[in-house]
Amino acid sequence: MGSATVVLGGSYDSEVNIVNRSDWSIYELYVSSADSEEWGDDQLGSEVIESGGGSFLLHSIPCDDYDVRLVDEDGDECVVEGVPLCADNDDWVIGNDDLLSCQVLTE
């Protein structure tokens, strides 16, 4: 599994479970602090978040708001801005509406 860049201050690090309830498998996932314009590495590596309820545990991510870039099985790219990722919100669920609406905005 991939992991986000670890920032010092481990008490703020969390694990976030990303659940894909959409009809499309997700092949790439990138996170960036909402304040940054640089994307980190593909967090999935060789993993795939399967459609219909597959999940991926994102480790050691400091609590913050992130922009998340997803690439699905068709190569469609989706950017979701300002996602709060933290242990308090330990599940982030992605549905069809999420992917379809942000694909329109990303194109």
PDB file of N, CA and C in Angstrom:
ATOM      1  N   MET A   1       0.825  -1.182   0.000  1.00  0.00           N
ATOM      2  CA  MET A   1       0.000   0.000   0.000  1.00  0.00           C
ATOM      3  C   MET A   1       0.863   1.236   0.000  1.00  0.00           C
ATOM      4  N   GLY A   2       0.373   2.309  -0.611  1.00  0.00           N
ATOM      5  CA  GLY A   2       1.099   3.560  -0.628  1.00  0.00           C
ATOM      6  C   GLY A   2       0.849   4.331   0.651  1.00  0.00           C
ATOM      7  N   SER A   3       1.610   5.364   0.874  1.00  0.00           N
ATOM      8  CA  SER A   3       1.362   6.214   2.028  1.00  0.00           C
ATOM      9  C   SER A   3       1.721   7.637   1.671  1.00  0.00           C
ATOM     10  N   ALA A   4       1.021   8.560   2.289  1.00  0.00           N
ATOM     11  CA  ALA A   4       1.285   9.969   2.040  1.00  0.00           C
ATOM     12  C   ALA A   4       2.599  10.346   2.701  1.00  0.00           C
ATOM     13  N   THR A   5       3.160  11.458   2.286  1.00  0.00           N
ATOM     14  CA  THR A   5       4.376  11.951   2.904  1.00  0.00           C
ATOM     15  C   THR A   5       4.109  12.225   4.373  1.00  0.00           C
ATOM     16  N   VAL A   6       4.959  11.744   5.225  1.00  0.00           N
ATOM     17  CA  VAL A   6       4.776  11.924   6.654  1.00  0.00           C
ATOM     18  C   VAL A   6       5.386  13.256   7.065  1.00  0.00           C
ATOM     19  N   VAL A   7       4.600  14.043   7.779  1.00  0.00           N
ATOM     20  CA  VAL A   7       5.061  15.322   8.293  1.00  0.00           C
ATOM     21  C   VAL A   7       5.306  15.138   9.781  1.00  0.00           C
ATOM     22  N   LEU A   8       6.387  15.729  10.310  1.00  0.00           N
ATOM     23  CA  LEU A   8       6.678  15.603  11.728  1.00  0.00           C
ATOM     24  C   LEU A   8       5.506  16.104  12.556  1.00  0.00           C
ATOM     25  N   GLY A   9       5.311  15.471  13.699  1.00  0.00           N
ATOM     26  CA  GLY A   9       4.170  15.814  14.531  1.00  0.00           C
ATOM     27  C   GLY A   9       3.194  14.659  14.503  1.00  0.00           C
ATOM     28  N   GLY A  10       3.688  13.461  14.747  1.00  0.00           N
ATOM     29  CA  GLY A  10       2.944  12.238  14.591  1.00  0.00           C
ATOM     30  C   GLY A  10       1.603  12.204  15.286  1.00  0.00           C
ATOM     31  N   SER A  11       1.374  13.036  16.307  1.00  0.00           N
ATOM     32  CA  SER A  11       0.102  12.993  16.996  1.00  0.00           C
ATOM     33  C   SER A  11      -1.042  13.428  16.090  1.00  0.00           C
ATOM     34  N   TYR A  12      -0.736  14.066  14.996  1.00  0.00           N
ATOM     35  CA  TYR A  12      -1.772  14.502  14.068  1.00  0.00           C
ATOM     36  C   TYR A  12      -1.942  13.538  12.901  1.00  0.00           C
ATOM     37  N   ASP A  13      -1.106  12.510  12.834  1.00  0.00           N
ATOM     38  CA  ASP A  13      -1.209  11.555  11.736  1.00  0.00           C
ATOM     39  C   ASP A  13      -2.419  10.665  11.945  1.00  0.00           C
ATOM     40  N   SER A  14      -3.024  10.249  10.858  1.00  0.00           N
ATOM     41  CA  SER A  14      -4.197   9.397  10.958  1.00  0.00           C
ATOM     42  C   SER A  14      -4.197   8.396   9.823  1.00  0.00           C
ATOM     43  N   GLU A  15      -5.143   7.494   9.895  1.00  0.00           N
ATOM     44  CA  GLU A  15      -5.390   6.556   8.818  1.00  0.00           C
ATOM     45  C   GLU A  15      -6.786   6.835   8.301  1.00  0.00           C
ATOM     46  N   VAL A  16      -6.925   6.973   7.005  1.00  0.00           N
ATOM     47  CA  VAL A  16      -8.215   7.266   6.399  1.00  0.00           C
ATOM     48  C   VAL A  16      -8.559   6.131   5.450  1.00  0.00           C
ATOM     49  N   ASN A  17      -9.721   5.549   5.635  1.00  0.00           N
ATOM     50  CA  ASN A  17     -10.195   4.475   4.779  1.00  0.00           C
ATOM     51  C   ASN A  17     -10.990   5.090   3.632  1.00  0.00           C
ATOM     52  N   ILE A  18     -10.527   4.894   2.409  1.00  0.00           N
ATOM     53  CA  ILE A  18     -11.211   5.414   1.230  1.00  0.00           C
ATOM     54  C   ILE A  18     -12.043   4.282   0.649  1.00  0.00           C
ATOM     55  N   VAL A  19     -13.358   4.484   0.597  1.00  0.00           N
ATOM     56  CA  VAL A  19     -14.297   3.457   0.151  1.00  0.00           C
ATOM     57  C   VAL A  19     -14.889   3.886  -1.187  1.00  0.00           C
ATOM     58  N   ASN A  20     -14.805   2.996  -2.175  1.00  0.00           N
ATOM     59  CA  ASN A  20     -15.293   3.287  -3.518  1.00  0.00           C
ATOM     60  C   ASN A  20     -16.641   2.591  -3.743  1.00  0.00           C
ATOM     61  N   ARG A  21     -17.716   3.351  -3.644  1.00  0.00           N
ATOM     62  CA  ARG A  21     -19.055   2.792  -3.880  1.00  0.00           C
ATOM     63  C   ARG A  21     -19.551   3.163  -5.271  1.00  0.00           C
ATOM     64  N   SER A  22     -18.655   3.603  -6.126  1.00  0.00           N
ATOM     65  CA  SER A  22     -19.038   3.965  -7.490  1.00  0.00           C
ATOM     66  C   SER A  22     -19.039   2.722  -8.384  1.00  0.00           C
ATOM     67  N   ASP A  23     -19.425   2.928  -9.628  1.00  0.00           N
ATOM     68  CA  ASP A  23     -19.435   1.841 -10.614  1.00  0.00           C
ATOM     69  C   ASP A  23     -18.091   1.685 -11.328  1.00  0.00           C
ATOM     70  N   TRP A  24     -17.098   2.516 -10.989  1.00  0.00           N
ATOM     71  CA  TRP A  24     -15.808   2.492 -11.663  1.00  0.00           C
ATOM     72  C   TRP A  24     -14.690   2.203 -10.677  1.00  0.00           C
ATOM     73  N   SER A  25     -13.778   1.327 -11.036  1.00  0.00           N
ATOM     74  CA  SER A  25     -12.602   1.070 -10.208  1.00  0.00           C
ATOM     75  C   SER A  25     -11.647   2.250 -10.309  1.00  0.00           C
ATOM     76  N   ILE A  26     -10.952   2.522  -9.231  1.00  0.00           N
ATOM     77  CA  ILE A  26     -10.002   3.638  -9.182  1.00  0.00           C
ATOM     78  C   ILE A  26      -8.586   3.071  -9.215  1.00  0.00           C
ATOM     79  N   TYR A  27      -7.809   3.544 -10.204  1.00  0.00           N
ATOM     80  CA  TYR A  27      -6.466   3.017 -10.440  1.00  0.00           C
ATOM     81  C   TYR A  27      -5.354   3.925  -9.945  1.00  0.00           C
ATOM     82  N   GLU A  28      -5.641   5.200  -9.755  1.00  0.00           N
ATOM     83  CA  GLU A  28      -4.634   6.130  -9.249  1.00  0.00           C
ATOM     84  C   GLU A  28      -5.294   7.080  -8.260  1.00  0.00           C
ATOM     85  N   LEU A  29      -4.555   7.445  -7.221  1.00  0.00           N
ATOM     86  CA  LEU A  29      -5.051   8.368  -6.209  1.00  0.00           C
ATOM     87  C   LEU A  29      -3.881   9.239  -5.757  1.00  0.00           C
ATOM     88  N   TYR A  30      -4.050  10.537  -5.887  1.00  0.00           N
ATOM     89  CA  TYR A  30      -3.009  11.491  -5.492  1.00  0.00           C
ATOM     90  C   TYR A  30      -3.624  12.456  -4.487  1.00  0.00           C
ATOM     91  N   VAL A  31      -2.852  12.864  -3.502  1.00  0.00           N
ATOM     92  CA  VAL A  31      -3.317  13.871  -2.557  1.00  0.00           C
ATOM     93  C   VAL A  31      -2.343  15.033  -2.533  1.00  0.00           C
ATOM     94  N   SER A  32      -2.903  16.191  -2.270  1.00  0.00           N
ATOM     95  CA  SER A  32      -2.103  17.400  -2.152  1.00  0.00           C
ATOM     96  C   SER A  32      -2.760  18.267  -1.097  1.00  0.00           C
ATOM     97  N   SER A  33      -1.966  18.884  -0.259  1.00  0.00           N
ATOM     98  CA  SER A  33      -2.538  19.841   0.684  1.00  0.00           C
ATOM     99  C   SER A  33      -3.337  20.857  -0.115  1.00  0.00           C
ATOM    100  N   ALA A  34      -4.482  21.261   0.402  1.00  0.00           N
ATOM    101  CA  ALA A  34      -5.338  22.215  -0.310  1.00  0.00           C
ATOM    102  C   ALA A  34      -4.608  23.521  -0.590  1.00  0.00           C
ATOM    103  N   ASP A  35      -3.526  23.793   0.174  1.00  0.00           N
ATOM    104  CA  ASP A  35      -2.752  25.020  -0.011  1.00  0.00           C
ATOM    105  C   ASP A  35      -1.645  24.882  -1.049  1.00  0.00           C
ATOM    106  N   SER A  36      -1.453  23.676  -1.586  1.00  0.00           N
ATOM    107  CA  SER A  36      -0.344  23.415  -2.500  1.00  0.00           C
ATOM    108  C   SER A  36      -0.858  23.144  -3.914  1.00  0.00           C
ATOM    109  N   GLU A  37      -0.006  23.406  -4.883  1.00  0.00           N
ATOM    110  CA  GLU A  37      -0.363  23.095  -6.266  1.00  0.00           C
ATOM    111  C   GLU A  37       0.419  21.895  -6.783  1.00  0.00           C
ATOM    112  N   GLU A  38       1.165  21.227  -5.907  1.00  0.00           N
ATOM    113  CA  GLU A  38       1.966  20.062  -6.278  1.00  0.00           C
ATOM    114  C   GLU A  38       1.263  18.793  -5.816  1.00  0.00           C
ATOM    115  N   TRP A  39       1.216  17.792  -6.692  1.00  0.00           N
ATOM    116  CA  TRP A  39       0.642  16.496  -6.325  1.00  0.00           C
ATOM    117  C   TRP A  39       1.735  15.596  -5.780  1.00  0.00           C
ATOM    118  N   GLY A  40       1.404  14.790  -4.803  1.00  0.00           N
ATOM    119  CA  GLY A  40       2.324  13.790  -4.294  1.00  0.00           C
ATOM    120  C   GLY A  40       2.340  12.592  -5.227  1.00  0.00           C
ATOM    121  N   ASP A  41       2.961  11.510  -4.771  1.00  0.00           N
ATOM    122  CA  ASP A  41       3.027  10.274  -5.545  1.00  0.00           C
ATOM    123  C   ASP A  41       1.666   9.595  -5.575  1.00  0.00           C
ATOM    124  N   ASP A  42       1.482   8.706  -6.546  1.00  0.00           N
ATOM    125  CA  ASP A  42       0.290   7.877  -6.607  1.00  0.00           C
ATOM    126  C   ASP A  42       0.260   7.020  -5.351  1.00  0.00           C
ATOM    127  N   GLN A  43      -0.756   7.213  -4.525  1.00  0.00           N
ATOM    128  CA  GLN A  43      -0.837   6.508  -3.252  1.00  0.00           C
ATOM    129  C   GLN A  43      -1.191   5.036  -3.413  1.00  0.00           C
ATOM    130  N   LEU A  44      -1.799   4.660  -4.538  1.00  0.00           N
ATOM    131  CA  LEU A  44      -2.233   3.282  -4.728  1.00  0.00           C
ATOM    132  C   LEU A  44      -1.112   2.356  -5.179  1.00  0.00           C
ATOM    133  N   GLY A  45      -0.097   2.891  -5.851  1.00  0.00           N
ATOM    134  CA  GLY A  45       0.959   2.027  -6.379  1.00  0.00           C
ATOM    135  C   GLY A  45       0.343   0.980  -7.289  1.00  0.00           C
ATOM    136  N   SER A  46       0.473  -0.290  -6.939  1.00  0.00           N
ATOM    137  CA  SER A  46      -0.099  -1.359  -7.758  1.00  0.00           C
ATOM    138  C   SER A  46      -1.495  -1.766  -7.286  1.00  0.00           C
ATOM    139  N   GLU A  47      -1.998  -1.111  -6.260  1.00  0.00           N
ATOM    140  CA  GLU A  47      -3.337  -1.411  -5.731  1.00  0.00           C
ATOM    141  C   GLU A  47      -4.413  -0.798  -6.628  1.00  0.00           C
ATOM    142  N   VAL A  48      -5.611  -1.334  -6.533  1.00  0.00           N
ATOM    143  CA  VAL A  48      -6.794  -0.796  -7.219  1.00  0.00           C
ATOM    144  C   VAL A  48      -7.913  -0.745  -6.193  1.00  0.00           C
ATOM    145  N   ILE A  49      -8.658   0.355  -6.164  1.00  0.00           N
ATOM    146  CA  ILE A  49      -9.840   0.416  -5.306  1.00  0.00           C
ATOM    147  C   ILE A  49     -11.008  -0.033  -6.178  1.00  0.00           C
ATOM    148  N   GLU A  50     -11.435  -1.264  -5.985  1.00  0.00           N
ATOM    149  CA  GLU A  50     -12.462  -1.862  -6.831  1.00  0.00           C
ATOM    150  C   GLU A  50     -13.802  -1.149  -6.678  1.00  0.00           C
ATOM    151  N   SER A  51     -14.581  -1.146  -7.745  1.00  0.00           N
ATOM    152  CA  SER A  51     -15.914  -0.550  -7.722  1.00  0.00           C
ATOM    153  C   SER A  51     -16.820  -1.343  -6.793  1.00  0.00           C
ATOM    154  N   GLY A  52     -17.915  -0.724  -6.368  1.00  0.00           N
ATOM    155  CA  GLY A  52     -18.914  -1.417  -5.578  1.00  0.00           C
ATOM    156  C   GLY A  52     -18.558  -1.691  -4.137  1.00  0.00           C
ATOM    157  N   GLY A  53     -17.609  -0.971  -3.571  1.00  0.00           N
ATOM    158  CA  GLY A  53     -17.309  -1.125  -2.150  1.00  0.00           C
ATOM    159  C   GLY A  53     -15.878  -1.459  -1.806  1.00  0.00           C
ATOM    160  N   GLY A  54     -14.989  -1.485  -2.801  1.00  0.00           N
ATOM    161  CA  GLY A  54     -13.575  -1.702  -2.505  1.00  0.00           C
ATOM    162  C   GLY A  54     -13.046  -0.567  -1.642  1.00  0.00           C
ATOM    163  N   SER A  55     -11.968  -0.831  -0.919  1.00  0.00           N
ATOM    164  CA  SER A  55     -11.430   0.222  -0.060  1.00  0.00           C
ATOM    165  C   SER A  55      -9.905   0.204  -0.058  1.00  0.00           C
ATOM    166  N   PHE A  56      -9.348   1.304   0.416  1.00  0.00           N
ATOM    167  CA  PHE A  56      -7.904   1.472   0.504  1.00  0.00           C
ATOM    168  C   PHE A  56      -7.623   2.286   1.757  1.00  0.00           C
ATOM    169  N   LEU A  57      -6.678   1.834   2.560  1.00  0.00           N
ATOM    170  CA  LEU A  57      -6.329   2.535   3.788  1.00  0.00           C
ATOM    171  C   LEU A  57      -5.123   3.431   3.534  1.00  0.00           C
ATOM    172  N   LEU A  58      -5.343   4.726   3.635  1.00  0.00           N
ATOM    173  CA  LEU A  58      -4.295   5.725   3.451  1.00  0.00           C
ATOM    174  C   LEU A  58      -3.662   5.968   4.814  1.00  0.00           C
ATOM    175  N   HIS A  59      -2.357   5.678   4.940  1.00  0.00           N
ATOM    176  CA  HIS A  59      -1.653   5.727   6.223  1.00  0.00           C
ATOM    177  C   HIS A  59      -0.908   7.038   6.419  1.00  0.00           C
ATOM    178  N   SER A  60      -0.712   7.386   7.677  1.00  0.00           N
ATOM    179  CA  SER A  60       0.198   8.456   8.101  1.00  0.00           C
ATOM    180  C   SER A  60      -0.052   9.773   7.387  1.00  0.00           C
ATOM    181  N   ILE A  61      -1.309  10.163   7.338  1.00  0.00           N
ATOM    182  CA  ILE A  61      -1.630  11.433   6.700  1.00  0.00           C
ATOM    183  C   ILE A  61      -2.024  12.440   7.782  1.00  0.00           C
ATOM    184  N   PRO A  62      -1.329  13.575   7.839  1.00  0.00           N
ATOM    185  CA  PRO A  62      -1.676  14.577   8.839  1.00  0.00           C
ATOM    186  C   PRO A  62      -3.100  15.094   8.602  1.00  0.00           C
ATOM    187  N   CYS A  63      -3.838  15.333   9.677  1.00  0.00           N
ATOM    188  CA  CYS A  63      -5.186  15.876   9.560  1.00  0.00           C
ATOM    189  C   CYS A  63      -5.121  17.229   8.870  1.00  0.00           C
ATOM    190  N   ASP A  64      -5.876  17.357   7.780  1.00  0.00           N
ATOM    191  CA  ASP A  64      -5.869  18.593   7.009  1.00  0.00           C
ATOM    192  C   ASP A  64      -6.945  18.491   5.938  1.00  0.00           C
ATOM    193  N   ASP A  65      -7.129  19.563   5.199  1.00  0.00           N
ATOM    194  CA  ASP A  65      -7.975  19.537   4.006  1.00  0.00           C
ATOM    195  C   ASP A  65      -7.070  19.296   2.810  1.00  0.00           C
ATOM    196  N   TYR A  66      -7.486  18.358   1.957  1.00  0.00           N
ATOM    197  CA  TYR A  66      -6.680  17.961   0.814  1.00  0.00           C
ATOM    198  C   TYR A  66      -7.467  18.062  -0.481  1.00  0.00           C
ATOM    199  N   ASP A  67      -6.750  18.301  -1.564  1.00  0.00           N
ATOM    200  CA  ASP A  67      -7.298  18.091  -2.892  1.00  0.00           C
ATOM    201  C   ASP A  67      -6.911  16.666  -3.257  1.00  0.00           C
ATOM    202  N   VAL A  68      -7.855  15.925  -3.815  1.00  0.00           N
ATOM    203  CA  VAL A  68      -7.631  14.526  -4.153  1.00  0.00           C
ATOM    204  C   VAL A  68      -7.883  14.339  -5.640  1.00  0.00           C
ATOM    205  N   ARG A  69      -6.901  13.762  -6.323  1.00  0.00           N
ATOM    206  CA  ARG A  69      -7.031  13.474  -7.762  1.00  0.00           C
ATOM    207  C   ARG A  69      -7.175  11.968  -7.921  1.00  0.00           C
ATOM    208  N   LEU A  70      -8.255  11.567  -8.576  1.00  0.00           N
ATOM    209  CA  LEU A  70      -8.559  10.162  -8.813  1.00  0.00           C
ATOM    210  C   LEU A  70      -8.535   9.890 -10.304  1.00  0.00           C
ATOM    211  N   VAL A  71      -8.048   8.712 -10.684  1.00  0.00           N
ATOM    212  CA  VAL A  71      -8.087   8.282 -12.086  1.00  0.00           C
ATOM    213  C   VAL A  71      -8.778   6.928 -12.101  1.00  0.00           C
ATOM    214  N   ASP A  72      -9.868   6.832 -12.887  1.00  0.00           N
ATOM    215  CA  ASP A  72     -10.633   5.585 -12.879  1.00  0.00           C
ATOM    216  C   ASP A  72     -10.174   4.637 -13.980  1.00  0.00           C
ATOM    217  N   GLU A  73     -10.874   3.519 -14.095  1.00  0.00           N
ATOM    218  CA  GLU A  73     -10.496   2.441 -15.018  1.00  0.00           C
ATOM    219  C   GLU A  73     -10.520   2.874 -16.472  1.00  0.00           C
ATOM    220  N   ASP A  74     -11.285   3.929 -16.800  1.00  0.00           N
ATOM    221  CA  ASP A  74     -11.349   4.433 -18.168  1.00  0.00           C
ATOM    222  C   ASP A  74     -10.303   5.512 -18.437  1.00  0.00           C
ATOM    223  N   GLY A  75      -9.515   5.849 -17.419  1.00  0.00           N
ATOM    224  CA  GLY A  75      -8.526   6.909 -17.558  1.00  0.00           C
ATOM    225  C   GLY A  75      -9.105   8.293 -17.312  1.00  0.00           C
ATOM    226  N   ASP A  76     -10.387   8.341 -16.896  1.00  0.00           N
ATOM    227  CA  ASP A  76     -11.005   9.630 -16.579  1.00  0.00           C
ATOM    228  C   ASP A  76     -10.411  10.159 -15.290  1.00  0.00           C
ATOM    229  N   GLU A  77     -10.067  11.448 -15.293  1.00  0.00           N
ATOM    230  CA  GLU A  77      -9.460  12.082 -14.138  1.00  0.00           C
ATOM    231  C   GLU A  77     -10.497  12.927 -13.416  1.00  0.00           C
ATOM    232  N   CYS A  78     -10.424  12.903 -12.103  1.00  0.00           N
ATOM    233  CA  CYS A  78     -11.377  13.627 -11.273  1.00  0.00           C
ATOM    234  C   CYS A  78     -10.600  14.300 -10.150  1.00  0.00           C
ATOM    235  N   VAL A  79     -10.809  15.586  -9.937  1.00  0.00           N
ATOM    236  CA  VAL A  79     -10.178  16.288  -8.828  1.00  0.00           C
ATOM    237  C   VAL A  79     -11.268  16.766  -7.879  1.00  0.00           C
ATOM    238  N   VAL A  80     -11.185  16.318  -6.636  1.00  0.00           N
ATOM    239  CA  VAL A  80     -12.113  16.738  -5.596  1.00  0.00           C
ATOM    240  C   VAL A  80     -11.336  17.659  -4.677  1.00  0.00           C
ATOM    241  N   GLU A  81     -11.813  18.888  -4.522  1.00  0.00           N
ATOM    242  CA  GLU A  81     -11.074  19.880  -3.735  1.00  0.00           C
ATOM    243  C   GLU A  81     -11.591  19.961  -2.310  1.00  0.00           C
ATOM    244  N   GLY A  82     -10.678  20.249  -1.395  1.00  0.00           N
ATOM    245  CA  GLY A  82     -11.036  20.534  -0.009  1.00  0.00           C
ATOM    246  C   GLY A  82     -11.632  19.374   0.763  1.00  0.00           C
ATOM    247  N   VAL A  83     -11.090  18.170   0.579  1.00  0.00           N
ATOM    248  CA  VAL A  83     -11.591  16.999   1.294  1.00  0.00           C
ATOM    249  C   VAL A  83     -10.945  16.958   2.680  1.00  0.00           C
ATOM    250  N   PRO A  84     -11.750  16.993   3.749  1.00  0.00           N
ATOM    251  CA  PRO A  84     -11.159  16.891   5.091  1.00  0.00           C
ATOM    252  C   PRO A  84     -10.796  15.441   5.375  1.00  0.00           C
ATOM    253  N   LEU A  85      -9.493  15.159   5.508  1.00  0.00           N
ATOM    254  CA  LEU A  85      -9.029  13.811   5.800  1.00  0.00           C
ATOM    255  C   LEU A  85      -8.399  13.824   7.183  1.00  0.00           C
ATOM    256  N   CYS A  86      -8.998  13.067   8.079  1.00  0.00           N
ATOM    257  CA  CYS A  86      -8.500  13.019   9.447  1.00  0.00           C
ATOM    258  C   CYS A  86      -9.119  11.816  10.141  1.00  0.00           C
ATOM    259  N   ALA A  87      -8.557  11.454  11.281  1.00  0.00           N
ATOM    260  CA  ALA A  87      -9.078  10.317  12.035  1.00  0.00           C
ATOM    261  C   ALA A  87     -10.534  10.548  12.447  1.00  0.00           C
ATOM    262  N   ASP A  88     -10.930  11.818  12.618  1.00  0.00           N
ATOM    263  CA  ASP A  88     -12.321  12.106  12.961  1.00  0.00           C
ATOM    264  C   ASP A  88     -13.261  11.734  11.819  1.00  0.00           C
ATOM    265  N   ASN A  89     -12.754  11.780  10.605  1.00  0.00           N
ATOM    266  CA  ASN A  89     -13.520  11.397   9.415  1.00  0.00           C
ATOM    267  C   ASN A  89     -12.799  10.217   8.796  1.00  0.00           C
ATOM    268  N   ASP A  90     -12.787   9.088   9.500  1.00  0.00           N
ATOM    269  CA  ASP A  90     -11.897   8.008   9.106  1.00  0.00           C
ATOM    270  C   ASP A  90     -12.358   7.237   7.870  1.00  0.00           C
ATOM    271  N   ASP A  91     -13.570   7.485   7.366  1.00  0.00           N
ATOM    272  CA  ASP A  91     -14.014   6.906   6.099  1.00  0.00           C
ATOM    273  C   ASP A  91     -14.366   8.026   5.131  1.00  0.00           C
ATOM    274  N   TRP A  92     -13.822   7.963   3.934  1.00  0.00           N
ATOM    275  CA  TRP A  92     -14.218   8.884   2.869  1.00  0.00           C
ATOM    276  C   TRP A  92     -14.821   8.020   1.778  1.00  0.00           C
ATOM    277  N   VAL A  93     -16.132   8.184   1.556  1.00  0.00           N
ATOM    278  CA  VAL A  93     -16.864   7.349   0.617  1.00  0.00           C
ATOM    279  C   VAL A  93     -17.025   8.092  -0.706  1.00  0.00           C
ATOM    280  N   ILE A  94     -16.658   7.404  -1.805  1.00  0.00           N
ATOM    281  CA  ILE A  94     -16.763   7.957  -3.160  1.00  0.00           C
ATOM    282  C   ILE A  94     -17.904   7.241  -3.862  1.00  0.00           C
ATOM    283  N   GLY A  95     -18.848   8.011  -4.395  1.00  0.00           N
ATOM    284  CA  GLY A  95     -19.984   7.439  -5.115  1.00  0.00           C
ATOM    285  C   GLY A  95     -20.003   7.887  -6.571  1.00  0.00           C
ATOM    286  N   ASN A  96     -20.952   7.374  -7.331  1.00  0.00           N
ATOM    287  CA  ASN A  96     -21.080   7.750  -8.745  1.00  0.00           C
ATOM    288  C   ASN A  96     -21.231   9.256  -8.919  1.00  0.00           C
ATOM    289  N   ASP A  97     -22.079   9.884  -8.109  1.00  0.00           N
ATOM    290  CA  ASP A  97     -22.300  11.327  -8.235  1.00  0.00           C
ATOM    291  C   ASP A  97     -21.011  12.105  -8.016  1.00  0.00           C
ATOM    292  N   ASP A  98     -20.198  11.662  -7.058  1.00  0.00           N
ATOM    293  CA  ASP A  98     -18.928  12.341  -6.792  1.00  0.00           C
ATOM    294  C   ASP A  98     -18.029  12.299  -8.027  1.00  0.00           C
ATOM    295  N   LEU A  99     -17.866  11.120  -8.608  1.00  0.00           N
ATOM    296  CA  LEU A  99     -16.979  10.970  -9.764  1.00  0.00           C
ATOM    297  C   LEU A  99     -17.516  11.699 -10.989  1.00  0.00           C
ATOM    298  N   LEU A 100     -18.802  11.567 -11.255  1.00  0.00           N
ATOM    299  CA  LEU A 100     -19.369  12.187 -12.451  1.00  0.00           C
ATOM    300  C   LEU A 100     -19.335  13.714 -12.357  1.00  0.00           C
ATOM    301  N   SER A 101     -19.656  14.259 -11.193  1.00  0.00           N
ATOM    302  CA  SER A 101     -19.681  15.719 -11.077  1.00  0.00           C
ATOM    303  C   SER A 101     -18.280  16.315 -11.151  1.00  0.00           C
ATOM    304  N   CYS A 102     -17.298  15.671 -10.550  1.00  0.00           N
ATOM    305  CA  CYS A 102     -15.958  16.265 -10.588  1.00  0.00           C
ATOM    306  C   CYS A 102     -15.269  15.999 -11.923  1.00  0.00           C
ATOM    307  N   GLN A 103     -15.642  14.939 -12.654  1.00  0.00           N
ATOM    308  CA  GLN A 103     -15.076  14.726 -13.990  1.00  0.00           C
ATOM    309  C   GLN A 103     -15.499  15.849 -14.918  1.00  0.00           C
ATOM    310  N   VAL A 104     -16.743  16.270 -14.795  1.00  0.00           N
ATOM    311  CA  VAL A 104     -17.249  17.379 -15.625  1.00  0.00           C
ATOM    312  C   VAL A 104     -16.460  18.641 -15.321  1.00  0.00           C
ATOM    313  N   LEU A 105     -16.197  18.892 -14.053  1.00  0.00           N
ATOM    314  CA  LEU A 105     -15.468  20.094 -13.658  1.00  0.00           C
ATOM    315  C   LEU A 105     -13.999  20.019 -14.029  1.00  0.00           C
ATOM    316  N   THR A 106     -13.409  18.812 -14.071  1.00  0.00           N
ATOM    317  CA  THR A 106     -11.991  18.627 -14.357  1.00  0.00           C
ATOM    318  C   THR A 106     -11.689  18.719 -15.839  1.00  0.00           C
ATOM    319  N   GLU A 107     -12.663  18.353 -16.675  1.00  0.00           N
ATOM    320  CA  GLU A 107     -12.401  18.326 -18.132  1.00  0.00           C
ATOM    321  C   GLU A 107     -12.276  19.700 -18.719  1.00  0.00           C
TER     322      GLU A 107
END
